[in-house]
Amino acid sequence: MEGLLLALGFVGLACALLTSWTKTGTLVTLVSFYFYFDLLGLEQWLPFILFSAGLLLVLFEVLIPGFGFVGVLGGILLALGLYYTTGDIFQTVRDLSMAIISVAAVIVFLVRNGYTLAGVSQFVLKTDLPPDNEVLAEDNQVVLYPGLIGEAQTPLRPSGKATFGDASPLYDVLSAEGLIDIHTSIIIEKIQGTKILVRKFTEGDD
């Protein structure tokens, strides 16, 4: 049971990063991790702190790749946090293996269906705007906002590349209505955190 909760927490995290279900994925992750540690009877804060620090370092490595040792350190801290929680090396290996296999399978499924992490690190590095601001800018060339019209430069299945204006760089966008063909006019429906949600542009959007 504990292993399933841990796996579900990591799956929720993957969905929060790769899909538009950010809030749902985050909620699933928090609830799953809470019940995981609750069922194991967490008596000290150190294991939870180690686990949380390791998870944050792993996320940092995923979002801003290139450091290497940060991800390795994160994995070690995460495993130590689980070990000090369970007190059993075999249960730690079992639970962690179940989580890794589950999240790997979900990531492969999402990537094959067009979801990508490419835009996440790009926006993490380049935006200085508050999290609740619905406007994003890249390289000071284009200001993105809901209602801005652009063009799909690749098929959106549902993620892909798009431009917004003649001097626009390529942006990673996510279709809010399934497949959108290349060179289709699109309009930004919502900017949700680091995700640009778009749909097909119609005459009624003028």
N, C-alpha and C. Protein backbone atom coordinates (compact mmCIF):
# COMPACT_ATOMS: atom_id res chain seq x y z
N MET A 1 0.82 -1.21 0.00
CA MET A 1 0.00 0.00 0.00
C MET A 1 0.86 1.26 0.00
N GLU A 2 1.90 1.26 0.86
CA GLU A 2 2.77 2.43 0.95
C GLU A 2 3.48 2.69 -0.38
N GLY A 3 3.94 1.60 -1.01
CA GLY A 3 4.63 1.74 -2.30
C GLY A 3 3.73 2.33 -3.36
N LEU A 4 2.46 1.95 -3.36
CA LEU A 4 1.51 2.50 -4.32
C LEU A 4 1.30 4.00 -4.10
N LEU A 5 1.24 4.41 -2.84
CA LEU A 5 1.07 5.84 -2.54
C LEU A 5 2.28 6.64 -3.00
N LEU A 6 3.48 6.09 -2.77
CA LEU A 6 4.69 6.79 -3.21
C LEU A 6 4.72 6.89 -4.73
N ALA A 7 4.38 5.80 -5.41
CA ALA A 7 4.35 5.79 -6.87
C ALA A 7 3.32 6.80 -7.39
N LEU A 8 2.15 6.84 -6.75
CA LEU A 8 1.10 7.77 -7.17
C LEU A 8 1.56 9.21 -7.00
N GLY A 9 2.33 9.48 -5.93
CA GLY A 9 2.85 10.82 -5.72
C GLY A 9 3.78 11.27 -6.83
N PHE A 10 4.66 10.37 -7.26
CA PHE A 10 5.58 10.72 -8.35
C PHE A 10 4.86 10.82 -9.69
N VAL A 11 3.85 9.99 -9.89
CA VAL A 11 3.07 10.08 -11.12
C VAL A 11 2.34 11.42 -11.19
N GLY A 12 1.77 11.84 -10.05
CA GLY A 12 1.11 13.14 -10.00
C GLY A 12 2.07 14.27 -10.32
N LEU A 13 3.31 14.15 -9.83
CA LEU A 13 4.32 15.16 -10.11
C LEU A 13 4.66 15.22 -11.59
N ALA A 14 4.76 14.07 -12.22
CA ALA A 14 5.04 14.01 -13.66
C ALA A 14 3.92 14.67 -14.45
N CYS A 15 2.68 14.40 -14.06
CA CYS A 15 1.54 15.00 -14.74
C CYS A 15 1.52 16.51 -14.54
N ALA A 16 1.89 16.97 -13.35
CA ALA A 16 1.92 18.41 -13.08
C ALA A 16 2.95 19.12 -13.95
N LEU A 17 4.08 18.45 -14.23
CA LEU A 17 5.15 19.06 -15.02
C LEU A 17 4.91 18.97 -16.52
N LEU A 18 4.30 17.88 -16.96
CA LEU A 18 4.23 17.61 -18.40
C LEU A 18 2.89 17.95 -19.04
N THR A 19 1.85 18.10 -18.25
CA THR A 19 0.53 18.33 -18.81
C THR A 19 -0.07 19.62 -18.28
N SER A 20 -1.28 19.90 -18.73
CA SER A 20 -1.99 21.09 -18.26
C SER A 20 -2.71 20.84 -16.94
N TRP A 21 -2.61 19.62 -16.42
CA TRP A 21 -3.27 19.27 -15.15
C TRP A 21 -2.35 19.61 -13.98
N THR A 22 -1.82 20.81 -13.97
CA THR A 22 -0.83 21.20 -12.97
C THR A 22 -1.40 21.14 -11.55
N LYS A 23 -2.56 21.74 -11.35
CA LYS A 23 -3.14 21.79 -10.00
C LYS A 23 -3.55 20.39 -9.54
N THR A 24 -4.18 19.63 -10.43
CA THR A 24 -4.62 18.29 -10.06
C THR A 24 -3.42 17.39 -9.74
N GLY A 25 -2.39 17.45 -10.59
CA GLY A 25 -1.19 16.65 -10.36
C GLY A 25 -0.50 17.01 -9.06
N THR A 26 -0.41 18.31 -8.77
CA THR A 26 0.21 18.76 -7.53
C THR A 26 -0.58 18.29 -6.33
N LEU A 27 -1.91 18.38 -6.41
CA LEU A 27 -2.76 17.93 -5.30
C LEU A 27 -2.60 16.43 -5.06
N VAL A 28 -2.59 15.66 -6.14
CA VAL A 28 -2.41 14.21 -6.01
C VAL A 28 -1.06 13.90 -5.36
N THR A 29 -0.03 14.63 -5.76
CA THR A 29 1.31 14.41 -5.19
C THR A 29 1.33 14.71 -3.69
N LEU A 30 0.79 15.84 -3.30
CA LEU A 30 0.82 16.24 -1.89
C LEU A 30 0.02 15.26 -1.02
N VAL A 31 -1.18 14.90 -1.50
CA VAL A 31 -2.03 13.98 -0.73
C VAL A 31 -1.38 12.60 -0.62
N SER A 32 -0.80 12.12 -1.72
CA SER A 32 -0.18 10.79 -1.72
C SER A 32 1.04 10.75 -0.79
N PHE A 33 1.89 11.76 -0.86
CA PHE A 33 3.06 11.79 0.01
C PHE A 33 2.64 11.92 1.48
N TYR A 34 1.60 12.70 1.74
CA TYR A 34 1.12 12.86 3.12
C TYR A 34 0.69 11.51 3.70
N PHE A 35 -0.13 10.78 2.96
CA PHE A 35 -0.62 9.50 3.46
C PHE A 35 0.49 8.45 3.50
N TYR A 36 1.48 8.58 2.61
CA TYR A 36 2.61 7.64 2.64
C TYR A 36 3.34 7.76 3.98
N PHE A 37 3.72 8.98 4.34
CA PHE A 37 4.45 9.17 5.59
C PHE A 37 3.55 8.94 6.80
N ASP A 38 2.25 9.25 6.65
CA ASP A 38 1.32 9.04 7.76
C ASP A 38 1.15 7.55 8.06
N LEU A 39 1.03 6.73 7.02
CA LEU A 39 0.86 5.28 7.22
C LEU A 39 2.10 4.65 7.84
N LEU A 40 3.26 5.20 7.50
CA LEU A 40 4.51 4.65 8.04
C LEU A 40 4.78 5.14 9.47
N GLY A 41 3.93 6.06 9.93
CA GLY A 41 4.08 6.55 11.30
C GLY A 41 5.32 7.40 11.49
N LEU A 42 5.43 8.46 10.74
CA LEU A 42 6.59 9.36 10.84
C LEU A 42 6.67 9.97 12.24
N GLU A 43 7.79 9.73 12.92
CA GLU A 43 7.96 10.21 14.29
C GLU A 43 8.93 11.36 14.39
N GLN A 44 9.77 11.57 13.39
CA GLN A 44 10.75 12.66 13.39
C GLN A 44 10.65 13.42 12.08
N TRP A 45 11.10 14.67 12.11
CA TRP A 45 11.02 15.51 10.93
C TRP A 45 12.20 15.30 9.98
N LEU A 46 13.31 14.74 10.49
CA LEU A 46 14.52 14.60 9.67
C LEU A 46 14.28 13.80 8.39
N PRO A 47 13.63 12.62 8.45
CA PRO A 47 13.40 11.87 7.22
C PRO A 47 12.59 12.66 6.20
N PHE A 48 11.56 13.36 6.67
CA PHE A 48 10.73 14.15 5.75
C PHE A 48 11.52 15.30 5.15
N ILE A 49 12.38 15.92 5.96
CA ILE A 49 13.22 17.02 5.45
C ILE A 49 14.19 16.51 4.40
N LEU A 50 14.81 15.35 4.65
CA LEU A 50 15.73 14.76 3.68
C LEU A 50 14.99 14.42 2.38
N PHE A 51 13.82 13.82 2.52
CA PHE A 51 13.02 13.46 1.34
C PHE A 51 12.64 14.70 0.55
N SER A 52 12.16 15.74 1.23
CA SER A 52 11.74 16.97 0.56
C SER A 52 12.90 17.66 -0.13
N ALA A 53 14.06 17.73 0.57
CA ALA A 53 15.24 18.36 -0.02
C ALA A 53 15.71 17.58 -1.25
N GLY A 54 15.69 16.26 -1.16
CA GLY A 54 16.09 15.43 -2.29
C GLY A 54 15.15 15.61 -3.47
N LEU A 55 13.85 15.68 -3.19
CA LEU A 55 12.87 15.86 -4.25
C LEU A 55 13.05 17.21 -4.94
N LEU A 56 13.32 18.25 -4.17
CA LEU A 56 13.53 19.58 -4.75
C LEU A 56 14.78 19.62 -5.63
N LEU A 57 15.84 18.95 -5.18
CA LEU A 57 17.07 18.91 -5.97
C LEU A 57 16.87 18.13 -7.28
N VAL A 58 16.12 17.03 -7.21
CA VAL A 58 15.82 16.27 -8.42
C VAL A 58 15.00 17.12 -9.39
N LEU A 59 14.01 17.85 -8.87
CA LEU A 59 13.21 18.74 -9.71
C LEU A 59 14.07 19.83 -10.32
N PHE A 60 15.00 20.36 -9.55
CA PHE A 60 15.90 21.39 -10.05
C PHE A 60 16.74 20.86 -11.21
N GLU A 61 17.19 19.62 -11.07
CA GLU A 61 17.98 19.00 -12.14
C GLU A 61 17.13 18.77 -13.38
N VAL A 62 15.86 18.42 -13.19
CA VAL A 62 14.96 18.19 -14.33
C VAL A 62 14.65 19.50 -15.04
N LEU A 63 14.38 20.55 -14.27
CA LEU A 63 13.99 21.82 -14.87
C LEU A 63 15.16 22.59 -15.44
N ILE A 64 16.32 22.48 -14.79
CA ILE A 64 17.52 23.19 -15.25
C ILE A 64 18.65 22.19 -15.36
N PRO A 65 18.62 21.34 -16.40
CA PRO A 65 19.61 20.27 -16.51
C PRO A 65 21.00 20.78 -16.81
N GLY A 66 22.00 19.94 -16.48
CA GLY A 66 23.37 20.29 -16.83
C GLY A 66 24.33 20.21 -15.66
N PHE A 67 23.79 20.17 -14.44
CA PHE A 67 24.66 20.14 -13.27
C PHE A 67 25.04 18.71 -12.90
N GLY A 68 24.16 17.77 -13.09
CA GLY A 68 24.48 16.37 -12.85
C GLY A 68 24.53 16.00 -11.39
N PHE A 69 25.52 16.56 -10.68
CA PHE A 69 25.71 16.18 -9.27
C PHE A 69 24.52 16.60 -8.42
N VAL A 70 23.80 17.64 -8.85
CA VAL A 70 22.62 18.09 -8.11
C VAL A 70 21.55 16.99 -8.12
N GLY A 71 21.32 16.40 -9.28
CA GLY A 71 20.35 15.32 -9.38
C GLY A 71 20.78 14.09 -8.60
N VAL A 72 22.09 13.76 -8.66
CA VAL A 72 22.61 12.61 -7.91
C VAL A 72 22.45 12.83 -6.42
N LEU A 73 22.82 14.03 -5.95
CA LEU A 73 22.67 14.36 -4.53
C LEU A 73 21.21 14.30 -4.12
N GLY A 74 20.34 14.81 -5.00
CA GLY A 74 18.91 14.77 -4.70
C GLY A 74 18.41 13.34 -4.56
N GLY A 75 18.85 12.46 -5.46
CA GLY A 75 18.45 11.07 -5.38
C GLY A 75 18.92 10.39 -4.10
N ILE A 76 20.14 10.73 -3.68
CA ILE A 76 20.68 10.15 -2.44
C ILE A 76 19.88 10.63 -1.23
N LEU A 77 19.61 11.93 -1.16
CA LEU A 77 18.85 12.48 -0.03
C LEU A 77 17.44 11.90 -0.01
N LEU A 78 16.84 11.76 -1.18
CA LEU A 78 15.49 11.21 -1.28
C LEU A 78 15.47 9.77 -0.75
N ALA A 79 16.44 8.97 -1.17
CA ALA A 79 16.51 7.58 -0.72
C ALA A 79 16.77 7.50 0.78
N LEU A 80 17.64 8.38 1.30
CA LEU A 80 17.91 8.40 2.74
C LEU A 80 16.66 8.76 3.53
N GLY A 81 15.90 9.72 3.01
CA GLY A 81 14.66 10.11 3.68
C GLY A 81 13.70 8.94 3.77
N LEU A 82 13.60 8.17 2.69
CA LEU A 82 12.71 7.00 2.70
C LEU A 82 13.24 5.92 3.64
N TYR A 83 14.55 5.72 3.63
CA TYR A 83 15.14 4.68 4.50
C TYR A 83 14.93 5.00 5.97
N TYR A 84 15.18 6.26 6.36
CA TYR A 84 14.99 6.63 7.75
C TYR A 84 13.52 6.62 8.16
N THR A 85 12.63 6.70 7.18
CA THR A 85 11.20 6.62 7.47
C THR A 85 10.76 5.18 7.68
N THR A 86 11.18 4.29 6.78
CA THR A 86 10.76 2.88 6.86
C THR A 86 11.61 2.08 7.84
N GLY A 87 12.91 2.43 7.92
CA GLY A 87 13.82 1.66 8.77
C GLY A 87 14.15 0.30 8.19
N ASP A 88 13.79 0.11 6.93
CA ASP A 88 14.00 -1.19 6.27
C ASP A 88 14.53 -0.94 4.87
N ILE A 89 15.76 -1.39 4.61
CA ILE A 89 16.39 -1.15 3.32
C ILE A 89 15.63 -1.83 2.19
N PHE A 90 15.07 -3.02 2.47
CA PHE A 90 14.35 -3.76 1.42
C PHE A 90 13.04 -3.05 1.05
N GLN A 91 12.33 -2.53 2.05
CA GLN A 91 11.10 -1.79 1.76
C GLN A 91 11.41 -0.49 1.03
N THR A 92 12.52 0.15 1.41
CA THR A 92 12.92 1.38 0.74
C THR A 92 13.19 1.12 -0.74
N VAL A 93 13.97 0.06 -1.02
CA VAL A 93 14.28 -0.29 -2.41
C VAL A 93 13.01 -0.66 -3.17
N ARG A 94 12.12 -1.43 -2.51
CA ARG A 94 10.87 -1.84 -3.16
C ARG A 94 9.99 -0.64 -3.50
N ASP A 95 9.79 0.25 -2.52
CA ASP A 95 8.93 1.41 -2.74
C ASP A 95 9.51 2.35 -3.79
N LEU A 96 10.82 2.58 -3.70
CA LEU A 96 11.46 3.49 -4.65
C LEU A 96 11.46 2.90 -6.06
N SER A 97 11.69 1.60 -6.16
CA SER A 97 11.67 0.95 -7.48
C SER A 97 10.29 1.01 -8.10
N MET A 98 9.26 0.79 -7.28
CA MET A 98 7.89 0.86 -7.78
C MET A 98 7.58 2.27 -8.28
N ALA A 99 8.05 3.28 -7.54
CA ALA A 99 7.80 4.67 -7.94
C ALA A 99 8.52 5.00 -9.24
N ILE A 100 9.78 4.57 -9.36
CA ILE A 100 10.57 4.87 -10.56
C ILE A 100 9.96 4.21 -11.79
N ILE A 101 9.57 2.94 -11.66
CA ILE A 101 8.98 2.22 -12.79
C ILE A 101 7.66 2.86 -13.21
N SER A 102 6.85 3.23 -12.23
CA SER A 102 5.54 3.83 -12.52
C SER A 102 5.69 5.17 -13.22
N VAL A 103 6.55 6.03 -12.68
CA VAL A 103 6.68 7.37 -13.26
C VAL A 103 7.36 7.29 -14.62
N ALA A 104 8.27 6.35 -14.81
CA ALA A 104 8.91 6.18 -16.13
C ALA A 104 7.89 5.77 -17.17
N ALA A 105 6.99 4.86 -16.79
CA ALA A 105 5.95 4.41 -17.73
C ALA A 105 5.02 5.56 -18.10
N VAL A 106 4.65 6.37 -17.10
CA VAL A 106 3.76 7.51 -17.36
C VAL A 106 4.45 8.55 -18.25
N ILE A 107 5.72 8.82 -17.99
CA ILE A 107 6.46 9.80 -18.79
C ILE A 107 6.56 9.34 -20.24
N VAL A 108 6.88 8.07 -20.44
CA VAL A 108 6.96 7.53 -21.80
C VAL A 108 5.62 7.67 -22.51
N PHE A 109 4.54 7.36 -21.80
CA PHE A 109 3.19 7.48 -22.38
C PHE A 109 2.89 8.93 -22.76
N LEU A 110 3.21 9.87 -21.87
CA LEU A 110 2.91 11.28 -22.14
C LEU A 110 3.76 11.82 -23.28
N VAL A 111 5.04 11.46 -23.30
CA VAL A 111 5.94 11.94 -24.36
C VAL A 111 5.48 11.41 -25.72
N ARG A 112 5.06 10.16 -25.77
CA ARG A 112 4.58 9.57 -27.03
C ARG A 112 3.30 10.24 -27.50
N ASN A 113 2.58 10.87 -26.58
CA ASN A 113 1.35 11.56 -26.94
C ASN A 113 1.56 13.07 -27.11
N GLY A 114 2.82 13.48 -27.22
CA GLY A 114 3.12 14.85 -27.59
C GLY A 114 3.45 15.80 -26.47
N TYR A 115 3.38 15.34 -25.22
CA TYR A 115 3.71 16.23 -24.11
C TYR A 115 5.22 16.34 -23.98
N THR A 116 5.68 17.50 -23.54
CA THR A 116 7.12 17.72 -23.46
C THR A 116 7.47 18.65 -22.31
N LEU A 117 8.70 18.51 -21.84
CA LEU A 117 9.20 19.38 -20.78
C LEU A 117 10.04 20.52 -21.35
N ALA A 118 10.16 20.58 -22.66
CA ALA A 118 11.09 21.52 -23.28
C ALA A 118 10.82 22.95 -22.88
N GLY A 119 9.55 23.33 -22.79
CA GLY A 119 9.24 24.72 -22.50
C GLY A 119 9.39 25.09 -21.05
N VAL A 120 9.43 24.11 -20.14
CA VAL A 120 9.44 24.42 -18.73
C VAL A 120 10.73 25.10 -18.31
N SER A 121 11.88 24.46 -18.61
CA SER A 121 13.16 25.05 -18.22
C SER A 121 13.39 26.37 -18.92
N GLN A 122 12.90 26.49 -20.13
CA GLN A 122 13.06 27.72 -20.90
C GLN A 122 12.41 28.89 -20.19
N PHE A 123 11.20 28.70 -19.70
CA PHE A 123 10.50 29.77 -19.01
C PHE A 123 11.04 29.98 -17.61
N VAL A 124 11.46 28.91 -16.94
CA VAL A 124 12.04 29.06 -15.61
C VAL A 124 13.27 29.96 -15.67
N LEU A 125 14.05 29.82 -16.73
CA LEU A 125 15.27 30.59 -16.87
C LEU A 125 15.02 32.02 -17.33
N LYS A 126 13.98 32.26 -18.12
CA LYS A 126 13.87 33.53 -18.82
C LYS A 126 12.79 34.47 -18.34
N THR A 127 11.90 34.04 -17.47
CA THR A 127 10.87 34.95 -17.01
C THR A 127 11.15 35.44 -15.61
N ASP A 128 10.97 36.72 -15.38
CA ASP A 128 11.14 37.32 -14.07
C ASP A 128 9.82 37.82 -13.54
N LEU A 129 8.71 37.43 -14.15
CA LEU A 129 7.41 37.93 -13.77
C LEU A 129 6.86 37.14 -12.60
N PRO A 130 5.95 37.72 -11.82
CA PRO A 130 5.35 37.00 -10.70
C PRO A 130 4.57 35.79 -11.20
N PRO A 131 4.44 34.74 -10.34
CA PRO A 131 3.76 33.51 -10.75
C PRO A 131 2.33 33.73 -11.19
N ASP A 132 1.62 34.69 -10.61
CA ASP A 132 0.22 34.88 -10.94
C ASP A 132 0.02 35.79 -12.14
N ASN A 133 1.10 36.35 -12.70
CA ASN A 133 0.97 37.23 -13.86
C ASN A 133 0.66 36.39 -15.09
N GLU A 134 -0.28 36.80 -15.87
CA GLU A 134 -0.68 36.01 -17.04
C GLU A 134 0.05 36.44 -18.31
N VAL A 135 1.11 37.21 -18.18
CA VAL A 135 1.86 37.68 -19.34
C VAL A 135 3.30 37.18 -19.22
N LEU A 136 3.82 36.58 -20.29
CA LEU A 136 5.19 36.09 -20.33
C LEU A 136 5.93 36.76 -21.47
N ALA A 137 7.22 36.98 -21.30
CA ALA A 137 8.03 37.56 -22.37
C ALA A 137 9.29 36.74 -22.54
N GLU A 138 9.78 36.64 -23.75
CA GLU A 138 11.01 35.91 -24.03
C GLU A 138 11.93 36.79 -24.86
N ASP A 139 13.18 36.96 -24.36
CA ASP A 139 14.20 37.72 -25.09
C ASP A 139 13.73 39.15 -25.40
N ASN A 140 12.78 39.66 -24.66
CA ASN A 140 12.27 41.02 -24.86
C ASN A 140 11.74 41.25 -26.27
N GLN A 141 11.34 40.20 -26.96
CA GLN A 141 10.87 40.35 -28.33
C GLN A 141 9.35 40.36 -28.42
N VAL A 142 8.72 39.44 -27.70
CA VAL A 142 7.27 39.30 -27.80
C VAL A 142 6.69 39.19 -26.40
N VAL A 143 5.64 39.93 -26.13
CA VAL A 143 4.89 39.80 -24.89
C VAL A 143 3.70 38.88 -25.16
N LEU A 144 3.60 37.81 -24.41
CA LEU A 144 2.53 36.85 -24.61
C LEU A 144 1.40 37.12 -23.62
N TYR A 145 0.18 37.03 -24.11
CA TYR A 145 -0.98 37.26 -23.26
C TYR A 145 -2.19 36.57 -23.88
N PRO A 146 -3.19 36.21 -23.07
CA PRO A 146 -4.40 35.58 -23.61
C PRO A 146 -5.06 36.46 -24.67
N GLY A 147 -5.39 35.87 -25.81
CA GLY A 147 -5.99 36.61 -26.91
C GLY A 147 -5.02 36.93 -28.02
N LEU A 148 -3.71 36.72 -27.79
CA LEU A 148 -2.71 36.97 -28.83
C LEU A 148 -2.79 35.88 -29.90
N ILE A 149 -2.76 36.30 -31.16
CA ILE A 149 -2.90 35.37 -32.29
C ILE A 149 -1.52 34.98 -32.81
N GLY A 150 -1.37 33.72 -33.16
CA GLY A 150 -0.12 33.22 -33.70
C GLY A 150 -0.36 32.14 -34.73
N GLU A 151 0.69 31.38 -35.00
CA GLU A 151 0.59 30.32 -36.01
C GLU A 151 1.38 29.11 -35.55
N ALA A 152 0.77 27.93 -35.68
CA ALA A 152 1.44 26.68 -35.32
C ALA A 152 2.54 26.39 -36.34
N GLN A 153 3.75 26.22 -35.87
CA GLN A 153 4.88 25.93 -36.76
C GLN A 153 5.17 24.44 -36.83
N THR A 154 4.55 23.67 -35.97
CA THR A 154 4.59 22.21 -36.02
C THR A 154 3.18 21.72 -35.68
N PRO A 155 2.86 20.48 -36.00
CA PRO A 155 1.57 19.96 -35.53
C PRO A 155 1.54 19.98 -34.01
N LEU A 156 0.42 20.34 -33.44
CA LEU A 156 0.27 20.34 -31.98
C LEU A 156 -0.46 19.06 -31.60
N ARG A 157 0.27 18.12 -30.91
CA ARG A 157 -0.31 16.79 -30.64
C ARG A 157 -0.25 16.36 -29.17
N PRO A 158 -0.64 17.05 -28.21
CA PRO A 158 -1.18 18.41 -28.25
C PRO A 158 -0.11 19.49 -28.07
N SER A 159 1.15 19.10 -27.82
CA SER A 159 2.19 20.12 -27.68
C SER A 159 2.96 20.29 -28.97
N GLY A 160 3.62 21.42 -29.13
CA GLY A 160 4.39 21.70 -30.33
C GLY A 160 4.94 23.10 -30.29
N LYS A 161 5.35 23.61 -31.44
CA LYS A 161 5.97 24.93 -31.54
C LYS A 161 5.03 25.90 -32.25
N ALA A 162 5.12 27.16 -31.84
CA ALA A 162 4.31 28.20 -32.47
C ALA A 162 5.03 29.53 -32.41
N THR A 163 4.65 30.44 -33.29
CA THR A 163 5.19 31.80 -33.27
C THR A 163 4.04 32.78 -33.13
N PHE A 164 4.37 33.98 -32.66
CA PHE A 164 3.36 35.02 -32.46
C PHE A 164 3.91 36.33 -33.02
N GLY A 165 3.74 36.52 -34.34
CA GLY A 165 4.27 37.70 -35.00
C GLY A 165 5.47 37.36 -35.86
N ASP A 166 5.85 38.31 -36.72
CA ASP A 166 6.93 38.08 -37.69
C ASP A 166 8.29 37.88 -37.03
N ALA A 167 8.56 38.64 -35.95
CA ALA A 167 9.88 38.55 -35.31
C ALA A 167 9.88 37.61 -34.12
N SER A 168 8.84 36.81 -34.02
CA SER A 168 8.69 35.96 -32.85
C SER A 168 9.63 34.76 -32.88
N PRO A 169 10.24 34.42 -31.73
CA PRO A 169 10.96 33.15 -31.65
C PRO A 169 9.96 32.02 -31.54
N LEU A 170 10.45 30.80 -31.57
CA LEU A 170 9.56 29.64 -31.41
C LEU A 170 9.22 29.46 -29.93
N TYR A 171 7.94 29.23 -29.67
CA TYR A 171 7.48 28.97 -28.31
C TYR A 171 6.92 27.56 -28.21
N ASP A 172 7.11 26.93 -27.09
CA ASP A 172 6.48 25.65 -26.81
C ASP A 172 5.07 25.93 -26.32
N VAL A 173 4.08 25.38 -27.00
CA VAL A 173 2.69 25.61 -26.64
C VAL A 173 1.97 24.27 -26.49
N LEU A 174 0.80 24.33 -25.87
CA LEU A 174 0.00 23.13 -25.64
C LEU A 174 -1.42 23.39 -26.11
N SER A 175 -1.91 22.54 -27.01
CA SER A 175 -3.26 22.70 -27.53
C SER A 175 -4.28 22.35 -26.46
N ALA A 176 -5.28 23.19 -26.32
CA ALA A 176 -6.35 22.94 -25.35
C ALA A 176 -7.50 22.16 -25.98
N GLU A 177 -7.39 21.83 -27.28
CA GLU A 177 -8.49 21.14 -27.94
C GLU A 177 -8.00 20.03 -28.87
N GLY A 178 -6.97 19.32 -28.46
CA GLY A 178 -6.51 18.18 -29.25
C GLY A 178 -5.58 18.58 -30.38
N LEU A 179 -5.56 17.79 -31.44
CA LEU A 179 -4.64 17.99 -32.56
C LEU A 179 -4.94 19.28 -33.33
N ILE A 180 -3.89 20.05 -33.59
CA ILE A 180 -3.98 21.24 -34.44
C ILE A 180 -2.90 21.10 -35.51
N ASP A 181 -3.27 21.23 -36.77
CA ASP A 181 -2.34 21.04 -37.88
C ASP A 181 -1.32 22.17 -37.97
N ILE A 182 -0.20 21.89 -38.64
CA ILE A 182 0.84 22.88 -38.86
C ILE A 182 0.30 24.03 -39.71
N HIS A 183 0.79 25.23 -39.46
CA HIS A 183 0.42 26.47 -40.15
C HIS A 183 -1.03 26.90 -39.90
N THR A 184 -1.65 26.32 -38.87
CA THR A 184 -3.00 26.75 -38.48
C THR A 184 -2.90 27.98 -37.60
N SER A 185 -3.79 28.94 -37.83
CA SER A 185 -3.82 30.12 -36.96
C SER A 185 -4.35 29.72 -35.59
N ILE A 186 -3.67 30.18 -34.55
CA ILE A 186 -4.05 29.83 -33.19
C ILE A 186 -4.18 31.10 -32.35
N ILE A 187 -4.80 30.97 -31.21
CA ILE A 187 -4.95 32.09 -30.29
C ILE A 187 -4.65 31.59 -28.88
N ILE A 188 -3.96 32.40 -28.10
CA ILE A 188 -3.65 32.00 -26.73
C ILE A 188 -4.91 32.06 -25.89
N GLU A 189 -5.26 30.94 -25.31
CA GLU A 189 -6.44 30.88 -24.46
C GLU A 189 -6.11 31.18 -23.00
N LYS A 190 -4.97 30.67 -22.55
CA LYS A 190 -4.60 30.86 -21.15
C LYS A 190 -3.11 30.64 -20.99
N ILE A 191 -2.49 31.38 -20.09
CA ILE A 191 -1.10 31.13 -19.70
C ILE A 191 -1.15 30.65 -18.26
N GLN A 192 -0.84 29.37 -18.08
CA GLN A 192 -0.99 28.72 -16.80
C GLN A 192 0.38 28.33 -16.27
N GLY A 193 0.93 29.19 -15.42
CA GLY A 193 2.29 28.94 -14.94
C GLY A 193 3.27 29.07 -16.09
N THR A 194 3.93 27.96 -16.43
CA THR A 194 4.89 27.95 -17.54
C THR A 194 4.29 27.40 -18.82
N LYS A 195 3.01 27.09 -18.81
CA LYS A 195 2.37 26.48 -19.98
C LYS A 195 1.54 27.50 -20.75
N ILE A 196 1.72 27.52 -22.07
CA ILE A 196 0.93 28.39 -22.94
C ILE A 196 -0.14 27.53 -23.60
N LEU A 197 -1.38 27.69 -23.19
CA LEU A 197 -2.48 26.92 -23.74
C LEU A 197 -3.09 27.68 -24.91
N VAL A 198 -3.23 27.02 -26.04
CA VAL A 198 -3.76 27.67 -27.25
C VAL A 198 -4.90 26.84 -27.83
N ARG A 199 -5.66 27.46 -28.73
CA ARG A 199 -6.70 26.78 -29.49
C ARG A 199 -6.73 27.37 -30.88
N LYS A 200 -7.52 26.76 -31.79
CA LYS A 200 -7.63 27.27 -33.14
C LYS A 200 -8.28 28.65 -33.14
N PHE A 201 -7.76 29.51 -33.99
CA PHE A 201 -8.34 30.86 -34.13
C PHE A 201 -9.53 30.78 -35.08
N THR A 202 -10.62 31.41 -34.69
CA THR A 202 -11.80 31.49 -35.55
C THR A 202 -12.18 32.94 -35.74
N GLU A 203 -13.00 33.22 -36.74
CA GLU A 203 -13.39 34.59 -37.04
C GLU A 203 -14.10 35.25 -35.85
N GLY A 204 -14.78 34.47 -35.07
CA GLY A 204 -15.49 35.03 -33.92
C GLY A 204 -14.57 35.51 -32.82
N ASP A 205 -13.26 35.22 -32.94
CA ASP A 205 -12.30 35.65 -31.92
C ASP A 205 -11.81 37.07 -32.16
N ASP A 206 -12.19 37.67 -33.30
CA ASP A 206 -11.71 39.03 -33.59
C ASP A 206 -12.25 40.02 -32.56
